[in-house]
Amino acid sequence: MTDIKTASTNFANKQALAEECPEAYASNILGGQWTLVICSWLLEGKLRFSELKKRLPNITERMLSLQLRKLEDNKMISRTVYPEVPPRVEYELTTIGYELKPIIKALEDWGSRHKATMEEA
């Protein structure tokens, strides 16, 4: 049975563009409402699931789990499970994840400038 998502023309076009364009490839990995926000918080250091949830009160637990899994699959974060009772799980940026720091800062600066411009209009 073919996965509908991977069989769609839109998905094929997105994949082809990502193969040809590094910017599109990066955008596919970082796209989504929560990805950059999660990475921004993890720039400060390791966090547990509950700590991330407190910092992102509008995200559902399911969505946070999905986003963390996506980031882990893309090698942006690592997940460490400690053999304790109750189990402790911490998330942290990988080396490639930490490379986002200047990009996130640039986006923050640009976002502040753009927001101010929009408020002036």
PDB file of N, CA and C in Angstrom:
ATOM      1  N   MET A   1       0.844  -1.175   0.000  1.00  0.00           N
ATOM      2  CA  MET A   1       0.000   0.000   0.000  1.00  0.00           C
ATOM      3  C   MET A   1       0.894   1.245   0.000  1.00  0.00           C
ATOM      4  N   THR A   2       0.611   2.203  -0.869  1.00  0.00           N
ATOM      5  CA  THR A   2       1.407   3.419  -0.990  1.00  0.00           C
ATOM      6  C   THR A   2       0.934   4.454   0.005  1.00  0.00           C
ATOM      7  N   ASP A   3       1.878   5.078   0.677  1.00  0.00           N
ATOM      8  CA  ASP A   3       1.566   6.164   1.609  1.00  0.00           C
ATOM      9  C   ASP A   3       1.067   7.351   0.798  1.00  0.00           C
ATOM     10  N   ILE A   4      -0.122   7.842   1.109  1.00  0.00           N
ATOM     11  CA  ILE A   4      -0.719   8.947   0.363  1.00  0.00           C
ATOM     12  C   ILE A   4       0.179  10.173   0.403  1.00  0.00           C
ATOM     13  N   LYS A   5       0.779  10.444   1.560  1.00  0.00           N
ATOM     14  CA  LYS A   5       1.644  11.614   1.701  1.00  0.00           C
ATOM     15  C   LYS A   5       2.814  11.559   0.723  1.00  0.00           C
ATOM     16  N   THR A   6       3.478  10.414   0.638  1.00  0.00           N
ATOM     17  CA  THR A   6       4.657  10.308  -0.222  1.00  0.00           C
ATOM     18  C   THR A   6       4.287  10.136  -1.684  1.00  0.00           C
ATOM     19  N   ALA A   7       3.048   9.810  -1.992  1.00  0.00           N
ATOM     20  CA  ALA A   7       2.618   9.634  -3.371  1.00  0.00           C
ATOM     21  C   ALA A   7       2.097  10.929  -3.986  1.00  0.00           C
ATOM     22  N   SER A   8       1.897  11.965  -3.187  1.00  0.00           N
ATOM     23  CA  SER A   8       1.310  13.191  -3.714  1.00  0.00           C
ATOM     24  C   SER A   8       2.307  13.972  -4.576  1.00  0.00           C
ATOM     25  N   THR A   9       1.773  14.694  -5.538  1.00  0.00           N
ATOM     26  CA  THR A   9       2.597  15.541  -6.389  1.00  0.00           C
ATOM     27  C   THR A   9       3.270  16.624  -5.567  1.00  0.00           C
ATOM     28  N   ASN A  10       2.559  17.182  -4.602  1.00  0.00           N
ATOM     29  CA  ASN A  10       3.123  18.225  -3.743  1.00  0.00           C
ATOM     30  C   ASN A  10       4.348  17.706  -2.996  1.00  0.00           C
ATOM     31  N   PHE A  11       4.259  16.508  -2.448  1.00  0.00           N
ATOM     32  CA  PHE A  11       5.385  15.914  -1.721  1.00  0.00           C
ATOM     33  C   PHE A  11       6.562  15.691  -2.669  1.00  0.00           C
ATOM     34  N   ALA A  12       6.289  15.172  -3.857  1.00  0.00           N
ATOM     35  CA  ALA A  12       7.358  14.929  -4.834  1.00  0.00           C
ATOM     36  C   ALA A  12       8.040  16.239  -5.225  1.00  0.00           C
ATOM     37  N   ASN A  13       7.257  17.275  -5.443  1.00  0.00           N
ATOM     38  CA  ASN A  13       7.826  18.586  -5.788  1.00  0.00           C
ATOM     39  C   ASN A  13       8.674  19.133  -4.647  1.00  0.00           C
ATOM     40  N   LYS A  14       8.196  18.985  -3.430  1.00  0.00           N
ATOM     41  CA  LYS A  14       8.921  19.459  -2.247  1.00  0.00           C
ATOM     42  C   LYS A  14      10.246  18.715  -2.107  1.00  0.00           C
ATOM     43  N   GLN A  15      10.223  17.411  -2.324  1.00  0.00           N
ATOM     44  CA  GLN A  15      11.438  16.606  -2.233  1.00  0.00           C
ATOM     45  C   GLN A  15      12.438  16.983  -3.322  1.00  0.00           C
ATOM     46  N   ALA A  16      11.952  17.167  -4.550  1.00  0.00           N
ATOM     47  CA  ALA A  16      12.834  17.524  -5.667  1.00  0.00           C
ATOM     48  C   ALA A  16      13.480  18.882  -5.415  1.00  0.00           C
ATOM     49  N   LEU A  17      12.698  19.837  -4.940  1.00  0.00           N
ATOM     50  CA  LEU A  17      13.236  21.162  -4.641  1.00  0.00           C
ATOM     51  C   LEU A  17      14.281  21.089  -3.534  1.00  0.00           C
ATOM     52  N   ALA A  18      14.014  20.296  -2.507  1.00  0.00           N
ATOM     53  CA  ALA A  18      14.956  20.146  -1.392  1.00  0.00           C
ATOM     54  C   ALA A  18      16.271  19.521  -1.855  1.00  0.00           C
ATOM     55  N   GLU A  19      16.206  18.637  -2.836  1.00  0.00           N
ATOM     56  CA  GLU A  19      17.426  18.011  -3.352  1.00  0.00           C
ATOM     57  C   GLU A  19      18.268  19.006  -4.139  1.00  0.00           C
ATOM     58  N   GLU A  20      17.625  19.978  -4.758  1.00  0.00           N
ATOM     59  CA  GLU A  20      18.334  20.945  -5.599  1.00  0.00           C
ATOM     60  C   GLU A  20      18.711  22.224  -4.855  1.00  0.00           C
ATOM     61  N   CYS A  21      18.006  22.528  -3.794  1.00  0.00           N
ATOM     62  CA  CYS A  21      18.145  23.828  -3.137  1.00  0.00           C
ATOM     63  C   CYS A  21      18.391  23.636  -1.638  1.00  0.00           C
ATOM     64  N   PRO A  22      19.592  23.951  -1.152  1.00  0.00           N
ATOM     65  CA  PRO A  22      19.871  23.783   0.277  1.00  0.00           C
ATOM     66  C   PRO A  22      18.955  24.612   1.172  1.00  0.00           C
ATOM     67  N   GLU A  23      18.516  25.775   0.697  1.00  0.00           N
ATOM     68  CA  GLU A  23      17.602  26.601   1.489  1.00  0.00           C
ATOM     69  C   GLU A  23      16.265  25.898   1.680  1.00  0.00           C
ATOM     70  N   ALA A  24      15.765  25.264   0.633  1.00  0.00           N
ATOM     71  CA  ALA A  24      14.503  24.524   0.730  1.00  0.00           C
ATOM     72  C   ALA A  24      14.679  23.303   1.630  1.00  0.00           C
ATOM     73  N   TYR A  25      15.817  22.645   1.530  1.00  0.00           N
ATOM     74  CA  TYR A  25      16.108  21.503   2.404  1.00  0.00           C
ATOM     75  C   TYR A  25      16.060  21.938   3.864  1.00  0.00           C
ATOM     76  N   ALA A  26      16.744  23.040   4.180  1.00  0.00           N
ATOM     77  CA  ALA A  26      16.763  23.556   5.557  1.00  0.00           C
ATOM     78  C   ALA A  26      15.366  23.960   6.002  1.00  0.00           C
ATOM     79  N   SER A  27      14.632  24.602   5.111  1.00  0.00           N
ATOM     80  CA  SER A  27      13.274  25.032   5.438  1.00  0.00           C
ATOM     81  C   SER A  27      12.372  23.840   5.749  1.00  0.00           C
ATOM     82  N   ASN A  28      12.549  22.735   5.037  1.00  0.00           N
ATOM     83  CA  ASN A  28      11.763  21.532   5.307  1.00  0.00           C
ATOM     84  C   ASN A  28      12.044  20.991   6.704  1.00  0.00           C
ATOM     85  N   ILE A  29      13.296  21.061   7.137  1.00  0.00           N
ATOM     86  CA  ILE A  29      13.660  20.556   8.467  1.00  0.00           C
ATOM     87  C   ILE A  29      13.170  21.502   9.554  1.00  0.00           C
ATOM     88  N   LEU A  30      13.334  22.809   9.333  1.00  0.00           N
ATOM     89  CA  LEU A  30      13.017  23.791  10.363  1.00  0.00           C
ATOM     90  C   LEU A  30      11.592  24.311  10.298  1.00  0.00           C
ATOM     91  N   GLY A  31      10.870  23.942   9.250  1.00  0.00           N
ATOM     92  CA  GLY A  31       9.521  24.435   9.074  1.00  0.00           C
ATOM     93  C   GLY A  31       8.591  23.956  10.176  1.00  0.00           C
ATOM     94  N   GLY A  32       7.517  24.643  10.310  1.00  0.00           N
ATOM     95  CA  GLY A  32       6.545  24.292  11.338  1.00  0.00           C
ATOM     96  C   GLY A  32       6.521  25.355  12.423  1.00  0.00           C
ATOM     97  N   GLN A  33       5.439  25.414  13.104  1.00  0.00           N
ATOM     98  CA  GLN A  33       5.195  26.450  14.101  1.00  0.00           C
ATOM     99  C   GLN A  33       6.107  26.346  15.311  1.00  0.00           C
ATOM    100  N   TRP A  34       6.511  25.147  15.683  1.00  0.00           N
ATOM    101  CA  TRP A  34       7.178  24.953  16.967  1.00  0.00           C
ATOM    102  C   TRP A  34       8.675  24.677  16.894  1.00  0.00           C
ATOM    103  N   THR A  35       9.181  24.269  15.754  1.00  0.00           N
ATOM    104  CA  THR A  35      10.560  23.798  15.645  1.00  0.00           C
ATOM    105  C   THR A  35      11.579  24.817  16.147  1.00  0.00           C
ATOM    106  N   LEU A  36      11.534  26.028  15.617  1.00  0.00           N
ATOM    107  CA  LEU A  36      12.515  27.040  16.016  1.00  0.00           C
ATOM    108  C   LEU A  36      12.341  27.459  17.471  1.00  0.00           C
ATOM    109  N   VAL A  37      11.109  27.471  17.947  1.00  0.00           N
ATOM    110  CA  VAL A  37      10.867  27.849  19.343  1.00  0.00           C
ATOM    111  C   VAL A  37      11.477  26.804  20.280  1.00  0.00           C
ATOM    112  N   ILE A  38      11.276  25.538  19.960  1.00  0.00           N
ATOM    113  CA  ILE A  38      11.867  24.465  20.773  1.00  0.00           C
ATOM    114  C   ILE A  38      13.386  24.585  20.754  1.00  0.00           C
ATOM    115  N   CYS A  39      13.953  24.780  19.573  1.00  0.00           N
ATOM    116  CA  CYS A  39      15.408  24.926  19.469  1.00  0.00           C
ATOM    117  C   CYS A  39      15.896  26.149  20.237  1.00  0.00           C
ATOM    118  N   SER A  40      15.143  27.226  20.218  1.00  0.00           N
ATOM    119  CA  SER A  40      15.520  28.439  20.960  1.00  0.00           C
ATOM    120  C   SER A  40      15.637  28.151  22.445  1.00  0.00           C
ATOM    121  N   TRP A  41      14.672  27.431  22.986  1.00  0.00           N
ATOM    122  CA  TRP A  41      14.733  27.088  24.402  1.00  0.00           C
ATOM    123  C   TRP A  41      15.892  26.151  24.703  1.00  0.00           C
ATOM    124  N   LEU A  42      16.156  25.225  23.799  1.00  0.00           N
ATOM    125  CA  LEU A  42      17.237  24.273  24.024  1.00  0.00           C
ATOM    126  C   LEU A  42      18.624  24.904  23.851  1.00  0.00           C
ATOM    127  N   LEU A  43      18.688  26.081  23.249  1.00  0.00           N
ATOM    128  CA  LEU A  43      19.970  26.792  23.177  1.00  0.00           C
ATOM    129  C   LEU A  43      20.481  27.120  24.575  1.00  0.00           C
ATOM    130  N   GLU A  44      19.570  27.214  25.532  1.00  0.00           N
ATOM    131  CA  GLU A  44      19.947  27.528  26.912  1.00  0.00           C
ATOM    132  C   GLU A  44      20.456  26.305  27.666  1.00  0.00           C
ATOM    133  N   GLY A  45      20.297  25.120  27.089  1.00  0.00           N
ATOM    134  CA  GLY A  45      20.779  23.895  27.730  1.00  0.00           C
ATOM    135  C   GLY A  45      19.729  22.802  27.731  1.00  0.00           C
ATOM    136  N   LYS A  46      20.079  21.690  28.364  1.00  0.00           N
ATOM    137  CA  LYS A  46      19.195  20.524  28.431  1.00  0.00           C
ATOM    138  C   LYS A  46      17.887  20.867  29.125  1.00  0.00           C
ATOM    139  N   LEU A  47      16.814  20.280  28.615  1.00  0.00           N
ATOM    140  CA  LEU A  47      15.506  20.446  29.249  1.00  0.00           C
ATOM    141  C   LEU A  47      14.749  19.130  29.211  1.00  0.00           C
ATOM    142  N   ARG A  48      13.946  18.931  30.242  1.00  0.00           N
ATOM    143  CA  ARG A  48      13.054  17.779  30.282  1.00  0.00           C
ATOM    144  C   ARG A  48      11.767  18.132  29.541  1.00  0.00           C
ATOM    145  N   PHE A  49      10.997  17.106  29.197  1.00  0.00           N
ATOM    146  CA  PHE A  49       9.736  17.295  28.484  1.00  0.00           C
ATOM    147  C   PHE A  49       8.842  18.283  29.239  1.00  0.00           C
ATOM    148  N   SER A  50       8.696  18.079  30.541  1.00  0.00           N
ATOM    149  CA  SER A  50       7.815  18.934  31.340  1.00  0.00           C
ATOM    150  C   SER A  50       8.308  20.384  31.364  1.00  0.00           C
ATOM    151  N   GLU A  51       9.622  20.583  31.336  1.00  0.00           N
ATOM    152  CA  GLU A  51      10.177  21.942  31.318  1.00  0.00           C
ATOM    153  C   GLU A  51       9.889  22.626  29.982  1.00  0.00           C
ATOM    154  N   LEU A  52      10.006  21.868  28.904  1.00  0.00           N
ATOM    155  CA  LEU A  52       9.655  22.425  27.592  1.00  0.00           C
ATOM    156  C   LEU A  52       8.170  22.756  27.536  1.00  0.00           C
ATOM    157  N   LYS A  53       7.349  21.874  28.061  1.00  0.00           N
ATOM    158  CA  LYS A  53       5.896  22.089  28.060  1.00  0.00           C
ATOM    159  C   LYS A  53       5.541  23.359  28.823  1.00  0.00           C
ATOM    160  N   LYS A  54       6.206  23.623  29.946  1.00  0.00           N
ATOM    161  CA  LYS A  54       5.943  24.842  30.721  1.00  0.00           C
ATOM    162  C   LYS A  54       6.319  26.090  29.924  1.00  0.00           C
ATOM    163  N   ARG A  55       7.379  25.999  29.132  1.00  0.00           N
ATOM    164  CA  ARG A  55       7.833  27.143  28.339  1.00  0.00           C
ATOM    165  C   ARG A  55       6.975  27.351  27.092  1.00  0.00           C
ATOM    166  N   LEU A  56       6.225  26.326  26.712  1.00  0.00           N
ATOM    167  CA  LEU A  56       5.364  26.368  25.527  1.00  0.00           C
ATOM    168  C   LEU A  56       3.935  26.013  25.936  1.00  0.00           C
ATOM    169  N   PRO A  57       3.278  26.875  26.715  1.00  0.00           N
ATOM    170  CA  PRO A  57       1.974  26.498  27.278  1.00  0.00           C
ATOM    171  C   PRO A  57       0.883  26.242  26.238  1.00  0.00           C
ATOM    172  N   ASN A  58       1.039  26.749  25.023  1.00  0.00           N
ATOM    173  CA  ASN A  58      -0.011  26.562  24.018  1.00  0.00           C
ATOM    174  C   ASN A  58       0.169  25.319  23.164  1.00  0.00           C
ATOM    175  N   ILE A  59       1.242  24.576  23.376  1.00  0.00           N
ATOM    176  CA  ILE A  59       1.459  23.351  22.605  1.00  0.00           C
ATOM    177  C   ILE A  59       0.835  22.173  23.353  1.00  0.00           C
ATOM    178  N   THR A  60       0.244  21.265  22.603  1.00  0.00           N
ATOM    179  CA  THR A  60      -0.290  20.066  23.243  1.00  0.00           C
ATOM    180  C   THR A  60       0.861  19.083  23.500  1.00  0.00           C
ATOM    181  N   GLU A  61       0.651  18.181  24.433  1.00  0.00           N
ATOM    182  CA  GLU A  61       1.684  17.177  24.711  1.00  0.00           C
ATOM    183  C   GLU A  61       1.953  16.328  23.477  1.00  0.00           C
ATOM    184  N   ARG A  62       0.913  15.999  22.752  1.00  0.00           N
ATOM    185  CA  ARG A  62       1.071  15.194  21.537  1.00  0.00           C
ATOM    186  C   ARG A  62       1.921  15.935  20.519  1.00  0.00           C
ATOM    187  N   MET A  63       1.633  17.221  20.295  1.00  0.00           N
ATOM    188  CA  MET A  63       2.394  17.990  19.320  1.00  0.00           C
ATOM    189  C   MET A  63       3.844  18.152  19.766  1.00  0.00           C
ATOM    190  N   LEU A  64       4.064  18.381  21.049  1.00  0.00           N
ATOM    191  CA  LEU A  64       5.436  18.495  21.551  1.00  0.00           C
ATOM    192  C   LEU A  64       6.183  17.183  21.321  1.00  0.00           C
ATOM    193  N   SER A  65       5.535  16.064  21.592  1.00  0.00           N
ATOM    194  CA  SER A  65       6.156  14.754  21.360  1.00  0.00           C
ATOM    195  C   SER A  65       6.510  14.572  19.885  1.00  0.00           C
ATOM    196  N   LEU A  66       5.573  14.925  19.005  1.00  0.00           N
ATOM    197  CA  LEU A  66       5.818  14.791  17.562  1.00  0.00           C
ATOM    198  C   LEU A  66       6.973  15.680  17.108  1.00  0.00           C
ATOM    199  N   GLN A  67       7.007  16.909  17.614  1.00  0.00           N
ATOM    200  CA  GLN A  67       8.074  17.843  17.219  1.00  0.00           C
ATOM    201  C   GLN A  67       9.431  17.379  17.733  1.00  0.00           C
ATOM    202  N   LEU A  68       9.467  16.892  18.962  1.00  0.00           N
ATOM    203  CA  LEU A  68      10.730  16.391  19.510  1.00  0.00           C
ATOM    204  C   LEU A  68      11.203  15.170  18.722  1.00  0.00           C
ATOM    205  N   ARG A  69      10.287  14.306  18.348  1.00  0.00           N
ATOM    206  CA  ARG A  69      10.643  13.132  17.551  1.00  0.00           C
ATOM    207  C   ARG A  69      11.189  13.553  16.189  1.00  0.00           C
ATOM    208  N   LYS A  70      10.549  14.543  15.561  1.00  0.00           N
ATOM    209  CA  LYS A  70      11.003  15.042  14.259  1.00  0.00           C
ATOM    210  C   LYS A  70      12.414  15.629  14.382  1.00  0.00           C
ATOM    211  N   LEU A  71      12.632  16.428  15.423  1.00  0.00           N
ATOM    212  CA  LEU A  71      13.949  17.021  15.637  1.00  0.00           C
ATOM    213  C   LEU A  71      14.997  15.941  15.906  1.00  0.00           C
ATOM    214  N   GLU A  72      14.625  14.916  16.638  1.00  0.00           N
ATOM    215  CA  GLU A  72      15.558  13.823  16.913  1.00  0.00           C
ATOM    216  C   GLU A  72      15.853  13.032  15.633  1.00  0.00           C
ATOM    217  N   ASP A  73      14.830  12.760  14.840  1.00  0.00           N
ATOM    218  CA  ASP A  73      15.018  12.048  13.574  1.00  0.00           C
ATOM    219  C   ASP A  73      15.939  12.814  12.632  1.00  0.00           C
ATOM    220  N   ASN A  74      15.876  14.134  12.702  1.00  0.00           N
ATOM    221  CA  ASN A  74      16.710  14.990  11.856  1.00  0.00           C
ATOM    222  C   ASN A  74      18.054  15.325  12.499  1.00  0.00           C
ATOM    223  N   LYS A  75      18.365  14.644  13.599  1.00  0.00           N
ATOM    224  CA  LYS A  75      19.654  14.799  14.296  1.00  0.00           C
ATOM    225  C   LYS A  75      19.893  16.215  14.815  1.00  0.00           C
ATOM    226  N   MET A  76      18.805  16.944  15.072  1.00  0.00           N
ATOM    227  CA  MET A  76      18.908  18.301  15.601  1.00  0.00           C
ATOM    228  C   MET A  76      19.006  18.291  17.124  1.00  0.00           C
ATOM    229  N   ILE A  77      18.384  17.298  17.740  1.00  0.00           N
ATOM    230  CA  ILE A  77      18.434  17.150  19.191  1.00  0.00           C
ATOM    231  C   ILE A  77      18.783  15.711  19.539  1.00  0.00           C
ATOM    232  N   SER A  78      19.259  15.539  20.756  1.00  0.00           N
ATOM    233  CA  SER A  78      19.453  14.183  21.271  1.00  0.00           C
ATOM    234  C   SER A  78      18.552  14.009  22.481  1.00  0.00           C
ATOM    235  N   ARG A  79      18.173  12.788  22.696  1.00  0.00           N
ATOM    236  CA  ARG A  79      17.273  12.419  23.795  1.00  0.00           C
ATOM    237  C   ARG A  79      18.022  11.433  24.677  1.00  0.00           C
ATOM    238  N   THR A  80      18.147  11.788  25.951  1.00  0.00           N
ATOM    239  CA  THR A  80      18.848  10.920  26.892  1.00  0.00           C
ATOM    240  C   THR A  80      17.862  10.437  27.946  1.00  0.00           C
ATOM    241  N   VAL A  81      17.765   9.120  28.082  1.00  0.00           N
ATOM    242  CA  VAL A  81      16.897   8.508  29.081  1.00  0.00           C
ATOM    243  C   VAL A  81      17.788   7.999  30.213  1.00  0.00           C
ATOM    244  N   TYR A  82      17.501   8.443  31.426  1.00  0.00           N
ATOM    245  CA  TYR A  82      18.264   8.025  32.598  1.00  0.00           C
ATOM    246  C   TYR A  82      17.523   6.891  33.294  1.00  0.00           C
ATOM    247  N   PRO A  83      18.254   5.839  33.673  1.00  0.00           N
ATOM    248  CA  PRO A  83      17.614   4.669  34.308  1.00  0.00           C
ATOM    249  C   PRO A  83      17.286   4.942  35.773  1.00  0.00           C
ATOM    250  N   GLU A  84      16.258   5.741  35.973  1.00  0.00           N
ATOM    251  CA  GLU A  84      15.812   6.100  37.316  1.00  0.00           C
ATOM    252  C   GLU A  84      14.336   5.787  37.436  1.00  0.00           C
ATOM    253  N   VAL A  85      13.859   5.817  38.644  1.00  0.00           N
ATOM    254  CA  VAL A  85      12.418   5.668  38.879  1.00  0.00           C
ATOM    255  C   VAL A  85      11.948   6.904  39.628  1.00  0.00           C
ATOM    256  N   PRO A  86      11.062   7.703  39.049  1.00  0.00           N
ATOM    257  CA  PRO A  86      10.524   7.588  37.693  1.00  0.00           C
ATOM    258  C   PRO A  86      11.602   7.935  36.658  1.00  0.00           C
ATOM    259  N   PRO A  87      11.416   7.469  35.418  1.00  0.00           N
ATOM    260  CA  PRO A  87      12.408   7.728  34.374  1.00  0.00           C
ATOM    261  C   PRO A  87      12.578   9.232  34.131  1.00  0.00           C
ATOM    262  N   ARG A  88      13.803   9.631  33.876  1.00  0.00           N
ATOM    263  CA  ARG A  88      14.109  11.028  33.554  1.00  0.00           C
ATOM    264  C   ARG A  88      14.617  11.058  32.126  1.00  0.00           C
ATOM    265  N   VAL A  89      14.021  11.935  31.315  1.00  0.00           N
ATOM    266  CA  VAL A  89      14.409  12.083  29.913  1.00  0.00           C
ATOM    267  C   VAL A  89      14.771  13.544  29.690  1.00  0.00           C
ATOM    268  N   GLU A  90      15.936  13.771  29.105  1.00  0.00           N
ATOM    269  CA  GLU A  90      16.373  15.137  28.807  1.00  0.00           C
ATOM    270  C   GLU A  90      16.641  15.274  27.311  1.00  0.00           C
ATOM    271  N   TYR A  91      16.345  16.459  26.821  1.00  0.00           N
ATOM    272  CA  TYR A  91      16.567  16.781  25.418  1.00  0.00           C
ATOM    273  C   TYR A  91      17.603  17.889  25.349  1.00  0.00           C
ATOM    274  N   GLU A  92      18.500  17.790  24.365  1.00  0.00           N
ATOM    275  CA  GLU A  92      19.472  18.845  24.157  1.00  0.00           C
ATOM    276  C   GLU A  92      19.818  18.921  22.681  1.00  0.00           C
ATOM    277  N   LEU A  93      20.287  20.077  22.278  1.00  0.00           N
ATOM    278  CA  LEU A  93      20.694  20.254  20.895  1.00  0.00           C
ATOM    279  C   LEU A  93      21.966  19.470  20.620  1.00  0.00           C
ATOM    280  N   THR A  94      22.059  18.936  19.425  1.00  0.00           N
ATOM    281  CA  THR A  94      23.284  18.294  18.972  1.00  0.00           C
ATOM    282  C   THR A  94      24.217  19.391  18.455  1.00  0.00           C
ATOM    283  N   THR A  95      25.390  19.013  18.032  1.00  0.00           N
ATOM    284  CA  THR A  95      26.336  19.983  17.471  1.00  0.00           C
ATOM    285  C   THR A  95      25.714  20.729  16.297  1.00  0.00           C
ATOM    286  N   ILE A  96      25.079  20.001  15.389  1.00  0.00           N
ATOM    287  CA  ILE A  96      24.442  20.645  14.231  1.00  0.00           C
ATOM    288  C   ILE A  96      23.266  21.508  14.677  1.00  0.00           C
ATOM    289  N   GLY A  97      22.599  21.110  15.744  1.00  0.00           N
ATOM    290  CA  GLY A  97      21.502  21.915  16.286  1.00  0.00           C
ATOM    291  C   GLY A  97      22.006  23.233  16.848  1.00  0.00           C
ATOM    292  N   TYR A  98      23.133  23.193  17.562  1.00  0.00           N
ATOM    293  CA  TYR A  98      23.707  24.425  18.112  1.00  0.00           C
ATOM    294  C   TYR A  98      24.163  25.391  17.027  1.00  0.00           C
ATOM    295  N   GLU A  99      24.415  24.877  15.837  1.00  0.00           N
ATOM    296  CA  GLU A  99      24.797  25.751  14.733  1.00  0.00           C
ATOM    297  C   GLU A  99      23.665  26.689  14.323  1.00  0.00           C
ATOM    298  N   LEU A 100      22.453  26.428  14.815  1.00  0.00           N
ATOM    299  CA  LEU A 100      21.316  27.315  14.530  1.00  0.00           C
ATOM    300  C   LEU A 100      21.377  28.619  15.322  1.00  0.00           C
ATOM    301  N   LYS A 101      22.228  28.700  16.340  1.00  0.00           N
ATOM    302  CA  LYS A 101      22.227  29.864  17.231  1.00  0.00           C
ATOM    303  C   LYS A 101      22.301  31.201  16.479  1.00  0.00           C
ATOM    304  N   PRO A 102      23.258  31.422  15.579  1.00  0.00           N
ATOM    305  CA  PRO A 102      23.280  32.715  14.889  1.00  0.00           C
ATOM    306  C   PRO A 102      22.079  32.919  13.960  1.00  0.00           C
ATOM    307  N   ILE A 103      21.558  31.823  13.442  1.00  0.00           N
ATOM    308  CA  ILE A 103      20.389  31.915  12.555  1.00  0.00           C
ATOM    309  C   ILE A 103      19.160  32.316  13.364  1.00  0.00           C
ATOM    310  N   ILE A 104      18.976  31.695  14.524  1.00  0.00           N
ATOM    311  CA  ILE A 104      17.850  32.028  15.389  1.00  0.00           C
ATOM    312  C   ILE A 104      17.954  33.473  15.858  1.00  0.00           C
ATOM    313  N   LYS A 105      19.155  33.908  16.212  1.00  0.00           N
ATOM    314  CA  LYS A 105      19.367  35.301  16.644  1.00  0.00           C
ATOM    315  C   LYS A 105      19.034  36.257  15.498  1.00  0.00           C
ATOM    316  N   ALA A 106      19.478  35.936  14.288  1.00  0.00           N
ATOM    317  CA  ALA A 106      19.179  36.784  13.124  1.00  0.00           C
ATOM    318  C   ALA A 106      17.670  36.839  12.873  1.00  0.00           C
ATOM    319  N   LEU A 107      16.987  35.707  13.001  1.00  0.00           N
ATOM    320  CA  LEU A 107      15.534  35.681  12.827  1.00  0.00           C
ATOM    321  C   LEU A 107      14.839  36.492  13.914  1.00  0.00           C
ATOM    322  N   GLU A 108      15.340  36.410  15.137  1.00  0.00           N
ATOM    323  CA  GLU A 108      14.781  37.196  16.236  1.00  0.00           C
ATOM    324  C   GLU A 108      14.911  38.694  15.942  1.00  0.00           C
ATOM    325  N   ASP A 109      16.094  39.111  15.523  1.00  0.00           N
ATOM    326  CA  ASP A 109      16.328  40.526  15.211  1.00  0.00           C
ATOM    327  C   ASP A 109      15.445  40.981  14.053  1.00  0.00           C
ATOM    328  N   TRP A 110      15.402  40.177  12.994  1.00  0.00           N
ATOM    329  CA  TRP A 110      14.581  40.525  11.845  1.00  0.00           C
ATOM    330  C   TRP A 110      13.101  40.579  12.233  1.00  0.00           C
ATOM    331  N   GLY A 111      12.655  39.597  13.021  1.00  0.00           N
ATOM    332  CA  GLY A 111      11.255  39.567  13.458  1.00  0.00           C
ATOM    333  C   GLY A 111      10.879  40.794  14.261  1.00  0.00           C
ATOM    334  N   SER A 112      11.776  41.244  15.137  1.00  0.00           N
ATOM    335  CA  SER A 112      11.506  42.453  15.934  1.00  0.00           C
ATOM    336  C   SER A 112      11.395  43.673  15.040  1.00  0.00           C
ATOM    337  N   ARG A 113      12.312  43.778  14.073  1.00  0.00           N
ATOM    338  CA  ARG A 113      12.259  44.924  13.140  1.00  0.00           C
ATOM    339  C   ARG A 113      11.000  44.892  12.287  1.00  0.00           C
ATOM    340  N   HIS A 114      10.668  43.723  11.772  1.00  0.00           N
ATOM    341  CA  HIS A 114       9.485  43.601  10.922  1.00  0.00           C
ATOM    342  C   HIS A 114       8.213  43.889  11.706  1.00  0.00           C
ATOM    343  N   LYS A 115       8.136  43.375  12.917  1.00  0.00           N
ATOM    344  CA  LYS A 115       6.958  43.616  13.766  1.00  0.00           C
ATOM    345  C   LYS A 115       6.788  45.116  14.029  1.00  0.00           C
ATOM    346  N   ALA A 116       7.891  45.806  14.320  1.00  0.00           N
ATOM    347  CA  ALA A 116       7.837  47.248  14.558  1.00  0.00           C
ATOM    348  C   ALA A 116       7.370  47.993  13.308  1.00  0.00           C
ATOM    349  N   THR A 117       7.847  47.550  12.146  1.00  0.00           N
ATOM    350  CA  THR A 117       7.433  48.157  10.882  1.00  0.00           C
ATOM    351  C   THR A 117       5.938  47.980  10.661  1.00  0.00           C
ATOM    352  N   MET A 118       5.435  46.795  10.965  1.00  0.00           N
ATOM    353  CA  MET A 118       4.017  46.516  10.778  1.00  0.00           C
ATOM    354  C   MET A 118       3.157  47.312  11.754  1.00  0.00           C
ATOM    355  N   GLU A 119       3.674  47.533  12.967  1.00  0.00           N
ATOM    356  CA  GLU A 119       2.925  48.291  13.963  1.00  0.00           C
ATOM    357  C   GLU A 119       2.889  49.786  13.616  1.00  0.00           C
ATOM    358  N   GLU A 120       3.909  50.254  12.903  1.00  0.00           N
ATOM    359  CA  GLU A 120       3.955  51.660  12.479  1.00  0.00           C
ATOM    360  C   GLU A 120       2.957  51.933  11.373  1.00  0.00           C
ATOM    361  N   ALA A 121       2.665  50.925  10.578  1.00  0.00           N
ATOM    362  CA  ALA A 121       1.789  51.122   9.412  1.00  0.00           C
ATOM    363  C   ALA A 121       0.354  51.327   9.804  1.00  0.00           C
TER     364      ALA A 121
END
